């Protein structure tokens, strides 16, 4: 591709090209002035500048009006499609139709959010947006802000409250935690007592390898402690560990229903106070008004709120 010398364009007034195209259509300075809502002197001055720019008379007076020269004919052939494309680019509102448009989106999220959210979201997109593809990149709460600042994803679904002036964070809802175990390994019934909870060892998810969490801080205030047997940055291995060993795992409430169904686990409220987590959407401000990005955020937001509502209904349902 031939490089562009930006200084060449400093002498060009785009309005002159508009005058050229209108003059070609009407072949009259008077009619061109009427079409452009200008005075005849303004059109005559523009025509003079065009002649100087292209070193050609462009239009000559005849008994049939202003006839274009061969140079004008060639210029119009070159400029007309360019000006039409420029007009479309400037004045046609950007549009996104998920039912027909093809687009690939990248979403950042942790493994538990993917497990909880994506089966429903991908199924919904397959029905209403068949040409949309989704790529997930693993993103813990500490990775989300730099990931989005560098625009390596279109959206992040995350917890926490970190942001920056380049980003927008929208809090969707708060949710809590539950403790899980396998009854064949830990034969205890609900409600789960603190003594039983501390009698057995625990598995802990820590994105930075820490051996303690907010739960341990609460236990310390009570003069109690738990023994953590296994620390991992991923939630995915926990169900299989619980099925094989007498361990407790404390996980986001969103995982409870599916893990109990899939793995036959037991669940109960954590027997100490645990702060809720806030599930948020995070995106770069450069994508704030992009129609496709706005549609993606609305779709993910709706899916999250729908799942949280269903989760709440299961928790409060009698029996």
C-alpha atoms as a PDB file:
ATOM      1  CA  UNK A   1       0.000   0.000   0.000  1.00  0.00           C
ATOM      2  CA  UNK A   2       1.378   3.380  -1.033  1.00  0.00           C
ATOM      3  CA  UNK A   3       2.079   5.643   1.922  1.00  0.00           C
ATOM      4  CA  UNK A   4       0.045   8.810   2.372  1.00  0.00           C
ATOM      5  CA  UNK A   5       1.679  12.200   2.735  1.00  0.00           C
ATOM      6  CA  UNK A   6      -0.616  13.964   5.182  1.00  0.00           C
ATOM      7  CA  UNK A   7       0.721  17.394   4.228  1.00  0.00           C
ATOM      8  CA  UNK A   8      -0.721  16.952   0.722  1.00  0.00           C
ATOM      9  CA  UNK A   9      -4.221  17.117   2.216  1.00  0.00           C
ATOM     10  CA  UNK A  10      -3.638  20.347   4.131  1.00  0.00           C
ATOM     11  CA  UNK A  11      -4.398  22.347   0.953  1.00  0.00           C
ATOM     12  CA  UNK A  12      -7.629  20.507   0.192  1.00  0.00           C
ATOM     13  CA  UNK A  13     -11.084  21.684   1.205  1.00  0.00           C
ATOM     14  CA  UNK A  14     -13.559  18.813   1.017  1.00  0.00           C
ATOM     15  CA  UNK A  15     -16.319  21.293   0.186  1.00  0.00           C
ATOM     16  CA  UNK A  16     -14.586  21.995  -3.114  1.00  0.00           C
ATOM     17  CA  UNK A  17     -15.100  18.386  -4.184  1.00  0.00           C
ATOM     18  CA  UNK A  18     -18.781  18.679  -3.318  1.00  0.00           C
ATOM     19  CA  UNK A  19     -19.008  21.719  -5.578  1.00  0.00           C
ATOM     20  CA  UNK A  20     -17.263  19.768  -8.342  1.00  0.00           C
ATOM     21  CA  UNK A  21     -19.774  16.911  -8.137  1.00  0.00           C
ATOM     22  CA  UNK A  22     -22.816  19.195  -8.011  1.00  0.00           C
ATOM     23  CA  UNK A  23     -21.539  21.294 -10.910  1.00  0.00           C
ATOM     24  CA  UNK A  24     -21.138  18.108 -12.920  1.00  0.00           C
ATOM     25  CA  UNK A  25     -24.744  17.179 -12.203  1.00  0.00           C
ATOM     26  CA  UNK A  26     -26.436  20.533 -12.908  1.00  0.00           C
ATOM     27  CA  UNK A  27     -23.941  22.164 -15.358  1.00  0.00           C
ATOM     28  CA  UNK A  28     -24.820  25.624 -14.014  1.00  0.00           C
ATOM     29  CA  UNK A  29     -23.273  27.925 -11.393  1.00  0.00           C
ATOM     30  CA  UNK A  30     -26.717  29.295 -10.526  1.00  0.00           C
ATOM     31  CA  UNK A  31     -28.317  25.865 -10.070  1.00  0.00           C
ATOM     32  CA  UNK A  32     -25.272  24.614  -8.142  1.00  0.00           C
ATOM     33  CA  UNK A  33     -25.610  27.584  -5.782  1.00  0.00           C
ATOM     34  CA  UNK A  34     -29.307  26.780  -5.262  1.00  0.00           C
ATOM     35  CA  UNK A  35     -28.591  23.090  -4.655  1.00  0.00           C
ATOM     36  CA  UNK A  36     -25.856  23.901  -2.133  1.00  0.00           C
ATOM     37  CA  UNK A  37     -27.725  26.801  -0.477  1.00  0.00           C
ATOM     38  CA  UNK A  38     -24.859  29.120  -1.341  1.00  0.00           C
ATOM     39  CA  UNK A  39     -24.581  32.397  -3.173  1.00  0.00           C
ATOM     40  CA  UNK A  40     -23.371  32.437  -6.785  1.00  0.00           C
ATOM     41  CA  UNK A  41     -20.154  34.295  -5.811  1.00  0.00           C
ATOM     42  CA  UNK A  42     -19.283  31.514  -3.346  1.00  0.00           C
ATOM     43  CA  UNK A  43     -19.727  28.824  -6.026  1.00  0.00           C
ATOM     44  CA  UNK A  44     -17.754  30.876  -8.549  1.00  0.00           C
ATOM     45  CA  UNK A  45     -14.940  31.269  -6.010  1.00  0.00           C
ATOM     46  CA  UNK A  46     -14.969  27.538  -5.301  1.00  0.00           C
ATOM     47  CA  UNK A  47     -14.822  26.781  -9.027  1.00  0.00           C
ATOM     48  CA  UNK A  48     -11.844  29.116  -9.353  1.00  0.00           C
ATOM     49  CA  UNK A  49     -10.011  27.277  -6.575  1.00  0.00           C
ATOM     50  CA  UNK A  50     -10.815  23.919  -8.187  1.00  0.00           C
ATOM     51  CA  UNK A  51      -9.371  25.106 -11.486  1.00  0.00           C
ATOM     52  CA  UNK A  52      -6.182  26.205  -9.731  1.00  0.00           C
ATOM     53  CA  UNK A  53      -5.951  22.945  -7.773  1.00  0.00           C
ATOM     54  CA  UNK A  54      -6.231  20.732 -10.852  1.00  0.00           C
ATOM     55  CA  UNK A  55      -4.687  23.156 -13.337  1.00  0.00           C
ATOM     56  CA  UNK A  56      -7.637  22.673 -15.664  1.00  0.00           C
ATOM     57  CA  UNK A  57     -10.724  24.779 -16.591  1.00  0.00           C
ATOM     58  CA  UNK A  58     -12.928  21.795 -15.536  1.00  0.00           C
ATOM     59  CA  UNK A  59     -16.121  23.458 -16.909  1.00  0.00           C
ATOM     60  CA  UNK A  60     -16.389  25.661 -20.004  1.00  0.00           C
ATOM     61  CA  UNK A  61     -19.347  27.835 -20.914  1.00  0.00           C
ATOM     62  CA  UNK A  62     -21.382  26.634 -23.932  1.00  0.00           C
ATOM     63  CA  UNK A  63     -24.848  27.264 -25.341  1.00  0.00           C
ATOM     64  CA  UNK A  64     -25.971  24.125 -23.433  1.00  0.00           C
ATOM     65  CA  UNK A  65     -24.544  25.251 -20.082  1.00  0.00           C
ATOM     66  CA  UNK A  66     -21.244  24.546 -18.371  1.00  0.00           C
ATOM     67  CA  UNK A  67     -19.713  21.551 -20.139  1.00  0.00           C
ATOM     68  CA  UNK A  68     -17.194  19.415 -18.236  1.00  0.00           C
ATOM     69  CA  UNK A  69     -13.725  18.946 -19.629  1.00  0.00           C
ATOM     70  CA  UNK A  70     -12.193  15.440 -19.945  1.00  0.00           C
ATOM     71  CA  UNK A  71     -10.248  16.166 -16.758  1.00  0.00           C
ATOM     72  CA  UNK A  72     -13.512  16.946 -14.912  1.00  0.00           C
ATOM     73  CA  UNK A  73     -15.108  13.789 -16.300  1.00  0.00           C
ATOM     74  CA  UNK A  74     -12.238  11.676 -14.979  1.00  0.00           C
ATOM     75  CA  UNK A  75     -12.207  13.402 -11.583  1.00  0.00           C
ATOM     76  CA  UNK A  76     -15.944  12.840 -11.120  1.00  0.00           C
ATOM     77  CA  UNK A  77     -15.571   9.160 -12.004  1.00  0.00           C
ATOM     78  CA  UNK A  78     -12.881   8.859  -9.331  1.00  0.00           C
ATOM     79  CA  UNK A  79     -14.432  11.049  -6.639  1.00  0.00           C
ATOM     80  CA  UNK A  80     -18.114  10.102  -6.852  1.00  0.00           C
ATOM     81  CA  UNK A  81     -17.818   6.595  -5.311  1.00  0.00           C
ATOM     82  CA  UNK A  82     -15.330   7.864  -2.730  1.00  0.00           C
ATOM     83  CA  UNK A  83     -17.657  10.666  -1.650  1.00  0.00           C
ATOM     84  CA  UNK A  84     -20.598   8.280  -1.493  1.00  0.00           C
ATOM     85  CA  UNK A  85     -18.598   5.947   0.738  1.00  0.00           C
ATOM     86  CA  UNK A  86     -17.491   8.865   2.901  1.00  0.00           C
ATOM     87  CA  UNK A  87     -21.094  10.013   3.226  1.00  0.00           C
ATOM     88  CA  UNK A  88     -22.174   6.537   4.338  1.00  0.00           C
ATOM     89  CA  UNK A  89     -19.324   6.313   6.837  1.00  0.00           C
ATOM     90  CA  UNK A  90     -20.173   9.680   8.396  1.00  0.00           C
ATOM     91  CA  UNK A  91     -23.948   9.747   8.330  1.00  0.00           C
ATOM     92  CA  UNK A  92     -25.049   6.106   8.515  1.00  0.00           C
ATOM     93  CA  UNK A  93     -25.567   5.116  12.168  1.00  0.00           C
ATOM     94  CA  UNK A  94     -23.501   2.118  13.214  1.00  0.00           C
ATOM     95  CA  UNK A  95     -25.727  -0.919  13.508  1.00  0.00           C
ATOM     96  CA  UNK A  96     -25.384  -4.385  14.962  1.00  0.00           C
ATOM     97  CA  UNK A  97     -27.867  -7.189  14.348  1.00  0.00           C
ATOM     98  CA  UNK A  98     -27.032 -10.267  16.458  1.00  0.00           C
ATOM     99  CA  UNK A  99     -29.428 -12.416  14.433  1.00  0.00           C
ATOM    100  CA  UNK A 100     -27.436 -11.940  11.213  1.00  0.00           C
ATOM    101  CA  UNK A 101     -24.075 -10.297  11.950  1.00  0.00           C
ATOM    102  CA  UNK A 102     -20.898 -12.310  12.454  1.00  0.00           C
ATOM    103  CA  UNK A 103     -18.692 -11.309  15.355  1.00  0.00           C
ATOM    104  CA  UNK A 104     -16.226 -12.876  17.756  1.00  0.00           C
ATOM    105  CA  UNK A 105     -16.159 -11.650  21.361  1.00  0.00           C
ATOM    106  CA  UNK A 106     -13.558 -12.286  24.054  1.00  0.00           C
ATOM    107  CA  UNK A 107     -14.768 -12.416  27.653  1.00  0.00           C
ATOM    108  CA  UNK A 108     -12.532 -12.605  30.707  1.00  0.00           C
ATOM    109  CA  UNK A 109     -13.714 -14.619  33.721  1.00  0.00           C
ATOM    110  CA  UNK A 110     -12.538 -17.072  36.363  1.00  0.00           C
ATOM    111  CA  UNK A 111     -13.136 -20.795  36.007  1.00  0.00           C
ATOM    112  CA  UNK A 112     -16.046 -20.862  38.473  1.00  0.00           C
ATOM    113  CA  UNK A 113     -17.853 -18.040  36.630  1.00  0.00           C
ATOM    114  CA  UNK A 114     -17.381 -19.922  33.361  1.00  0.00           C
ATOM    115  CA  UNK A 115     -18.779 -23.112  34.903  1.00  0.00           C
ATOM    116  CA  UNK A 116     -21.723 -21.211  36.384  1.00  0.00           C
ATOM    117  CA  UNK A 117     -22.606 -18.820  33.556  1.00  0.00           C
ATOM    118  CA  UNK A 118     -21.475 -20.044  30.171  1.00  0.00           C
ATOM    119  CA  UNK A 119     -23.625 -23.145  29.551  1.00  0.00           C
ATOM    120  CA  UNK A 120     -26.787 -21.001  29.640  1.00  0.00           C
ATOM    121  CA  UNK A 121     -25.203 -18.059  27.855  1.00  0.00           C
ATOM    122  CA  UNK A 122     -23.777 -20.126  24.971  1.00  0.00           C
ATOM    123  CA  UNK A 123     -27.099 -21.952  24.587  1.00  0.00           C
ATOM    124  CA  UNK A 124     -28.933 -18.635  24.400  1.00  0.00           C
ATOM    125  CA  UNK A 125     -26.489 -17.219  21.856  1.00  0.00           C
ATOM    126  CA  UNK A 126     -26.822 -20.326  19.707  1.00  0.00           C
ATOM    127  CA  UNK A 127     -30.542 -19.618  19.455  1.00  0.00           C
ATOM    128  CA  UNK A 128     -30.611 -15.822  19.036  1.00  0.00           C
ATOM    129  CA  UNK A 129     -27.150 -15.041  17.596  1.00  0.00           C
ATOM    130  CA  UNK A 130     -26.042 -18.044  15.519  1.00  0.00           C
ATOM    131  CA  UNK A 131     -23.050 -16.299  13.920  1.00  0.00           C
ATOM    132  CA  UNK A 132     -21.572 -15.027  17.204  1.00  0.00           C
ATOM    133  CA  UNK A 133     -18.587 -16.850  18.683  1.00  0.00           C
ATOM    134  CA  UNK A 134     -17.265 -16.499  22.223  1.00  0.00           C
ATOM    135  CA  UNK A 135     -13.694 -16.920  23.443  1.00  0.00           C
ATOM    136  CA  UNK A 136     -13.083 -17.066  27.199  1.00  0.00           C
ATOM    137  CA  UNK A 137      -9.758 -16.046  28.719  1.00  0.00           C
ATOM    138  CA  UNK A 138      -9.080 -17.029  32.330  1.00  0.00           C
ATOM    139  CA  UNK A 139      -9.156 -13.875  34.414  1.00  0.00           C
ATOM    140  CA  UNK A 140      -9.017 -13.681  38.191  1.00  0.00           C
ATOM    141  CA  UNK A 141      -9.976 -10.440  40.007  1.00  0.00           C
ATOM    142  CA  UNK A 142      -6.367  -9.186  39.968  1.00  0.00           C
ATOM    143  CA  UNK A 143      -5.942  -9.791  36.248  1.00  0.00           C
ATOM    144  CA  UNK A 144      -9.207  -8.178  35.169  1.00  0.00           C
ATOM    145  CA  UNK A 145      -8.162  -4.516  35.299  1.00  0.00           C
ATOM    146  CA  UNK A 146      -4.871  -4.823  33.322  1.00  0.00           C
ATOM    147  CA  UNK A 147      -6.577  -7.173  30.850  1.00  0.00           C
ATOM    148  CA  UNK A 148      -9.304  -4.624  30.137  1.00  0.00           C
ATOM    149  CA  UNK A 149      -6.963  -1.616  30.153  1.00  0.00           C
ATOM    150  CA  UNK A 150      -5.007  -3.277  27.350  1.00  0.00           C
ATOM    151  CA  UNK A 151      -8.311  -4.110  25.564  1.00  0.00           C
ATOM    152  CA  UNK A 152      -7.416  -7.781  25.363  1.00  0.00           C
ATOM    153  CA  UNK A 153     -11.077  -8.639  25.949  1.00  0.00           C
ATOM    154  CA  UNK A 154     -14.419  -7.082  25.096  1.00  0.00           C
ATOM    155  CA  UNK A 155     -15.817  -7.675  28.569  1.00  0.00           C
ATOM    156  CA  UNK A 156     -14.852  -9.156  31.923  1.00  0.00           C
ATOM    157  CA  UNK A 157     -17.206 -10.829  34.377  1.00  0.00           C
ATOM    158  CA  UNK A 158     -15.490 -10.542  37.716  1.00  0.00           C
ATOM    159  CA  UNK A 159     -15.721  -9.850  41.437  1.00  0.00           C
ATOM    160  CA  UNK A 160     -14.077  -7.111  43.468  1.00  0.00           C
ATOM    161  CA  UNK A 161     -14.137  -3.349  43.074  1.00  0.00           C
ATOM    162  CA  UNK A 162     -10.839  -2.467  41.374  1.00  0.00           C
ATOM    163  CA  UNK A 163     -11.106  -0.244  38.311  1.00  0.00           C
ATOM    164  CA  UNK A 164      -9.315   2.656  36.604  1.00  0.00           C
ATOM    165  CA  UNK A 165     -10.212   5.852  34.806  1.00  0.00           C
ATOM    166  CA  UNK A 166     -10.084   3.958  31.488  1.00  0.00           C
ATOM    167  CA  UNK A 167     -12.692   1.410  32.578  1.00  0.00           C
ATOM    168  CA  UNK A 168     -16.316   1.182  33.643  1.00  0.00           C
ATOM    169  CA  UNK A 169     -17.378  -1.310  36.317  1.00  0.00           C
ATOM    170  CA  UNK A 170     -21.057  -2.131  36.659  1.00  0.00           C
ATOM    171  CA  UNK A 171     -22.061  -4.034  39.789  1.00  0.00           C
ATOM    172  CA  UNK A 172     -24.780  -6.568  38.947  1.00  0.00           C
ATOM    173  CA  UNK A 173     -25.630  -8.240  42.258  1.00  0.00           C
ATOM    174  CA  UNK A 174     -24.242  -9.616  45.497  1.00  0.00           C
ATOM    175  CA  UNK A 175     -24.179 -13.308  46.344  1.00  0.00           C
ATOM    176  CA  UNK A 176     -22.823 -15.443  49.129  1.00  0.00           C
ATOM    177  CA  UNK A 177     -20.911 -18.639  49.825  1.00  0.00           C
ATOM    178  CA  UNK A 178     -21.805 -22.180  50.861  1.00  0.00           C
ATOM    179  CA  UNK A 179     -19.831 -25.073  52.246  1.00  0.00           C
ATOM    180  CA  UNK A 180     -19.798 -28.392  50.380  1.00  0.00           C
ATOM    181  CA  UNK A 181     -18.834 -31.932  51.342  1.00  0.00           C
ATOM    182  CA  UNK A 182     -19.487 -35.531  50.366  1.00  0.00           C
ATOM    183  CA  UNK A 183     -21.665 -37.396  52.868  1.00  0.00           C
ATOM    184  CA  UNK A 184     -19.816 -40.631  52.137  1.00  0.00           C
ATOM    185  CA  UNK A 185     -16.611 -38.978  53.366  1.00  0.00           C
ATOM    186  CA  UNK A 186     -18.063 -36.732  56.071  1.00  0.00           C
ATOM    187  CA  UNK A 187     -21.289 -38.294  57.385  1.00  0.00           C
ATOM    188  CA  UNK A 188     -22.819 -35.190  58.947  1.00  0.00           C
ATOM    189  CA  UNK A 189     -26.287 -33.742  58.569  1.00  0.00           C
ATOM    190  CA  UNK A 190     -27.457 -30.185  58.267  1.00  0.00           C
ATOM    191  CA  UNK A 191     -27.321 -27.696  59.844  1.00  0.00           C
ATOM    192  CA  UNK A 192     -23.556 -27.726  59.652  1.00  0.00           C
ATOM    193  CA  UNK A 193     -22.075 -26.809  63.035  1.00  0.00           C
ATOM    194  CA  UNK A 194     -18.818 -24.978  63.533  1.00  0.00           C
ATOM    195  CA  UNK A 195     -17.325 -27.863  65.517  1.00  0.00           C
ATOM    196  CA  UNK A 196     -18.014 -30.313  62.693  1.00  0.00           C
ATOM    197  CA  UNK A 197     -16.759 -27.790  60.162  1.00  0.00           C
ATOM    198  CA  UNK A 198     -13.427 -27.517  61.978  1.00  0.00           C
ATOM    199  CA  UNK A 199     -13.079 -31.225  62.776  1.00  0.00           C
ATOM    200  CA  UNK A 200     -12.186 -31.985  59.158  1.00  0.00           C
ATOM    201  CA  UNK A 201      -9.618 -30.560  56.754  1.00  0.00           C
ATOM    202  CA  UNK A 202     -10.392 -28.041  54.005  1.00  0.00           C
ATOM    203  CA  UNK A 203      -9.547 -27.195  50.423  1.00  0.00           C
ATOM    204  CA  UNK A 204      -9.053 -23.541  49.539  1.00  0.00           C
ATOM    205  CA  UNK A 205      -9.119 -21.663  46.241  1.00  0.00           C
ATOM    206  CA  UNK A 206      -6.600 -18.820  46.229  1.00  0.00           C
ATOM    207  CA  UNK A 207      -5.633 -16.986  43.043  1.00  0.00           C
ATOM    208  CA  UNK A 208      -2.371 -15.835  44.626  1.00  0.00           C
ATOM    209  CA  UNK A 209      -1.446 -18.965  46.586  1.00  0.00           C
ATOM    210  CA  UNK A 210      -2.414 -17.614  50.026  1.00  0.00           C
ATOM    211  CA  UNK A 211      -3.269 -20.203  52.671  1.00  0.00           C
ATOM    212  CA  UNK A 212      -5.876 -18.015  54.374  1.00  0.00           C
ATOM    213  CA  UNK A 213      -9.016 -16.166  53.351  1.00  0.00           C
ATOM    214  CA  UNK A 214     -11.733 -13.986  54.865  1.00  0.00           C
ATOM    215  CA  UNK A 215     -13.151 -17.144  56.434  1.00  0.00           C
ATOM    216  CA  UNK A 216      -9.918 -17.697  58.357  1.00  0.00           C
ATOM    217  CA  UNK A 217      -9.919 -14.090  59.533  1.00  0.00           C
ATOM    218  CA  UNK A 218     -13.395 -14.603  60.971  1.00  0.00           C
ATOM    219  CA  UNK A 219     -12.312 -17.812  62.689  1.00  0.00           C
ATOM    220  CA  UNK A 220      -9.302 -16.053  64.230  1.00  0.00           C
ATOM    221  CA  UNK A 221     -11.583 -13.438  65.759  1.00  0.00           C
ATOM    222  CA  UNK A 222     -13.388 -16.330  67.466  1.00  0.00           C
ATOM    223  CA  UNK A 223     -10.141 -17.899  68.617  1.00  0.00           C
ATOM    224  CA  UNK A 224     -10.598 -20.831  66.235  1.00  0.00           C
ATOM    225  CA  UNK A 225      -8.745 -22.092  63.174  1.00  0.00           C
ATOM    226  CA  UNK A 226      -9.154 -24.644  60.391  1.00  0.00           C
ATOM    227  CA  UNK A 227      -6.559 -26.833  58.711  1.00  0.00           C
ATOM    228  CA  UNK A 228      -6.215 -26.283  54.967  1.00  0.00           C
ATOM    229  CA  UNK A 229      -5.016 -29.451  53.260  1.00  0.00           C
ATOM    230  CA  UNK A 230      -4.931 -28.229  49.651  1.00  0.00           C
ATOM    231  CA  UNK A 231      -4.633 -24.793  47.986  1.00  0.00           C
ATOM    232  CA  UNK A 232      -5.392 -24.287  44.280  1.00  0.00           C
ATOM    233  CA  UNK A 233      -6.130 -21.349  41.954  1.00  0.00           C
ATOM    234  CA  UNK A 234      -8.917 -23.356  40.280  1.00  0.00           C
ATOM    235  CA  UNK A 235     -12.339 -24.471  41.420  1.00  0.00           C
ATOM    236  CA  UNK A 236     -12.654 -27.272  38.864  1.00  0.00           C
ATOM    237  CA  UNK A 237     -10.749 -29.913  40.871  1.00  0.00           C
ATOM    238  CA  UNK A 238     -12.724 -29.453  44.097  1.00  0.00           C
ATOM    239  CA  UNK A 239     -15.698 -31.800  43.465  1.00  0.00           C
ATOM    240  CA  UNK A 240     -13.451 -34.746  42.673  1.00  0.00           C
ATOM    241  CA  UNK A 241     -11.365 -34.082  45.781  1.00  0.00           C
ATOM    242  CA  UNK A 242     -14.482 -33.933  47.951  1.00  0.00           C
ATOM    243  CA  UNK A 243     -15.696 -37.252  46.592  1.00  0.00           C
ATOM    244  CA  UNK A 244     -12.444 -38.997  47.486  1.00  0.00           C
ATOM    245  CA  UNK A 245     -11.403 -37.347  50.758  1.00  0.00           C
ATOM    246  CA  UNK A 246     -13.058 -36.078  53.984  1.00  0.00           C
ATOM    247  CA  UNK A 247     -12.732 -32.410  53.087  1.00  0.00           C
ATOM    248  CA  UNK A 248     -14.864 -29.282  53.209  1.00  0.00           C
ATOM    249  CA  UNK A 249     -14.846 -26.669  50.433  1.00  0.00           C
ATOM    250  CA  UNK A 250     -16.365 -23.201  50.721  1.00  0.00           C
ATOM    251  CA  UNK A 251     -17.396 -21.952  47.293  1.00  0.00           C
ATOM    252  CA  UNK A 252     -19.534 -19.244  45.628  1.00  0.00           C
ATOM    253  CA  UNK A 253     -23.235 -19.999  45.943  1.00  0.00           C
ATOM    254  CA  UNK A 254     -23.584 -20.170  42.164  1.00  0.00           C
ATOM    255  CA  UNK A 255     -21.727 -23.482  42.034  1.00  0.00           C
ATOM    256  CA  UNK A 256     -23.781 -25.257  44.685  1.00  0.00           C
ATOM    257  CA  UNK A 257     -26.835 -26.410  42.730  1.00  0.00           C
ATOM    258  CA  UNK A 258     -24.960 -27.916  39.767  1.00  0.00           C
ATOM    259  CA  UNK A 259     -22.240 -29.526  41.908  1.00  0.00           C
ATOM    260  CA  UNK A 260     -24.769 -31.127  44.214  1.00  0.00           C
ATOM    261  CA  UNK A 261     -26.654 -32.500  41.211  1.00  0.00           C
ATOM    262  CA  UNK A 262     -23.597 -33.635  39.261  1.00  0.00           C
ATOM    263  CA  UNK A 263     -21.481 -35.011  42.105  1.00  0.00           C
ATOM    264  CA  UNK A 264     -23.987 -35.885  44.822  1.00  0.00           C
ATOM    265  CA  UNK A 265     -22.499 -33.399  47.298  1.00  0.00           C
ATOM    266  CA  UNK A 266     -24.108 -31.892  50.378  1.00  0.00           C
ATOM    267  CA  UNK A 267     -24.343 -28.133  50.919  1.00  0.00           C
ATOM    268  CA  UNK A 268     -25.008 -25.883  53.905  1.00  0.00           C
ATOM    269  CA  UNK A 269     -24.495 -22.248  54.896  1.00  0.00           C
ATOM    270  CA  UNK A 270     -20.989 -21.489  56.112  1.00  0.00           C
ATOM    271  CA  UNK A 271     -21.091 -21.713  59.934  1.00  0.00           C
ATOM    272  CA  UNK A 272     -19.287 -18.380  60.325  1.00  0.00           C
ATOM    273  CA  UNK A 273     -20.058 -14.969  58.899  1.00  0.00           C
ATOM    274  CA  UNK A 274     -18.695 -14.567  55.380  1.00  0.00           C
ATOM    275  CA  UNK A 275     -18.768 -11.326  53.364  1.00  0.00           C
ATOM    276  CA  UNK A 276     -20.771 -11.561  50.159  1.00  0.00           C
ATOM    277  CA  UNK A 277     -19.073 -11.090  46.817  1.00  0.00           C
ATOM    278  CA  UNK A 278     -20.247  -8.601  44.187  1.00  0.00           C
ATOM    279  CA  UNK A 279     -20.463  -9.874  40.639  1.00  0.00           C
ATOM    280  CA  UNK A 280     -19.590  -7.127  38.138  1.00  0.00           C
ATOM    281  CA  UNK A 281     -19.154  -6.363  34.471  1.00  0.00           C
ATOM    282  CA  UNK A 282     -15.967  -4.531  33.512  1.00  0.00           C
ATOM    283  CA  UNK A 283     -15.256  -2.930  30.142  1.00  0.00           C
ATOM    284  CA  UNK A 284     -13.044  -0.344  28.479  1.00  0.00           C
ATOM    285  CA  UNK A 285     -14.563   3.096  27.984  1.00  0.00           C
ATOM    286  CA  UNK A 286     -13.546   2.999  24.310  1.00  0.00           C
ATOM    287  CA  UNK A 287     -16.213   0.304  23.808  1.00  0.00           C
ATOM    288  CA  UNK A 288     -18.904   2.048  25.833  1.00  0.00           C
ATOM    289  CA  UNK A 289     -21.038   3.203  22.889  1.00  0.00           C
ATOM    290  CA  UNK A 290     -20.170   0.433  20.428  1.00  0.00           C
ATOM    291  CA  UNK A 291     -23.498  -1.228  19.475  1.00  0.00           C
ATOM    292  CA  UNK A 292     -22.057  -4.752  19.439  1.00  0.00           C
ATOM    293  CA  UNK A 293     -20.399  -4.266  22.820  1.00  0.00           C
ATOM    294  CA  UNK A 294     -23.572  -2.781  24.276  1.00  0.00           C
ATOM    295  CA  UNK A 295     -25.539  -5.802  23.048  1.00  0.00           C
ATOM    296  CA  UNK A 296     -22.964  -8.169  24.578  1.00  0.00           C
ATOM    297  CA  UNK A 297     -23.157  -6.418  27.952  1.00  0.00           C
ATOM    298  CA  UNK A 298     -26.954  -6.458  27.926  1.00  0.00           C
ATOM    299  CA  UNK A 299     -27.037 -10.155  27.030  1.00  0.00           C
ATOM    300  CA  UNK A 300     -24.529 -11.158  29.712  1.00  0.00           C
ATOM    301  CA  UNK A 301     -26.242  -8.908  32.270  1.00  0.00           C
ATOM    302  CA  UNK A 302     -29.622 -10.488  31.563  1.00  0.00           C
ATOM    303  CA  UNK A 303     -28.204 -14.003  31.798  1.00  0.00           C
ATOM    304  CA  UNK A 304     -26.514 -13.255  35.141  1.00  0.00           C
ATOM    305  CA  UNK A 305     -29.597 -11.669  36.716  1.00  0.00           C
ATOM    306  CA  UNK A 306     -31.772 -14.538  35.460  1.00  0.00           C
ATOM    307  CA  UNK A 307     -29.456 -17.142  36.984  1.00  0.00           C
ATOM    308  CA  UNK A 308     -29.215 -15.264  40.286  1.00  0.00           C
ATOM    309  CA  UNK A 309     -33.016 -15.009  40.453  1.00  0.00           C
ATOM    310  CA  UNK A 310     -33.368 -18.761  39.824  1.00  0.00           C
ATOM    311  CA  UNK A 311     -30.668 -19.432  42.411  1.00  0.00           C
ATOM    312  CA  UNK A 312     -32.490 -17.286  44.969  1.00  0.00           C
ATOM    313  CA  UNK A 313     -35.769 -19.073  44.262  1.00  0.00           C
ATOM    314  CA  UNK A 314     -34.120 -22.455  44.912  1.00  0.00           C
ATOM    315  CA  UNK A 315     -32.665 -21.243  48.212  1.00  0.00           C
ATOM    316  CA  UNK A 316     -35.998 -19.860  49.484  1.00  0.00           C
ATOM    317  CA  UNK A 317     -38.230 -22.643  48.136  1.00  0.00           C
ATOM    318  CA  UNK A 318     -39.848 -24.613  50.994  1.00  0.00           C
ATOM    319  CA  UNK A 319     -38.732 -28.221  51.499  1.00  0.00           C
END
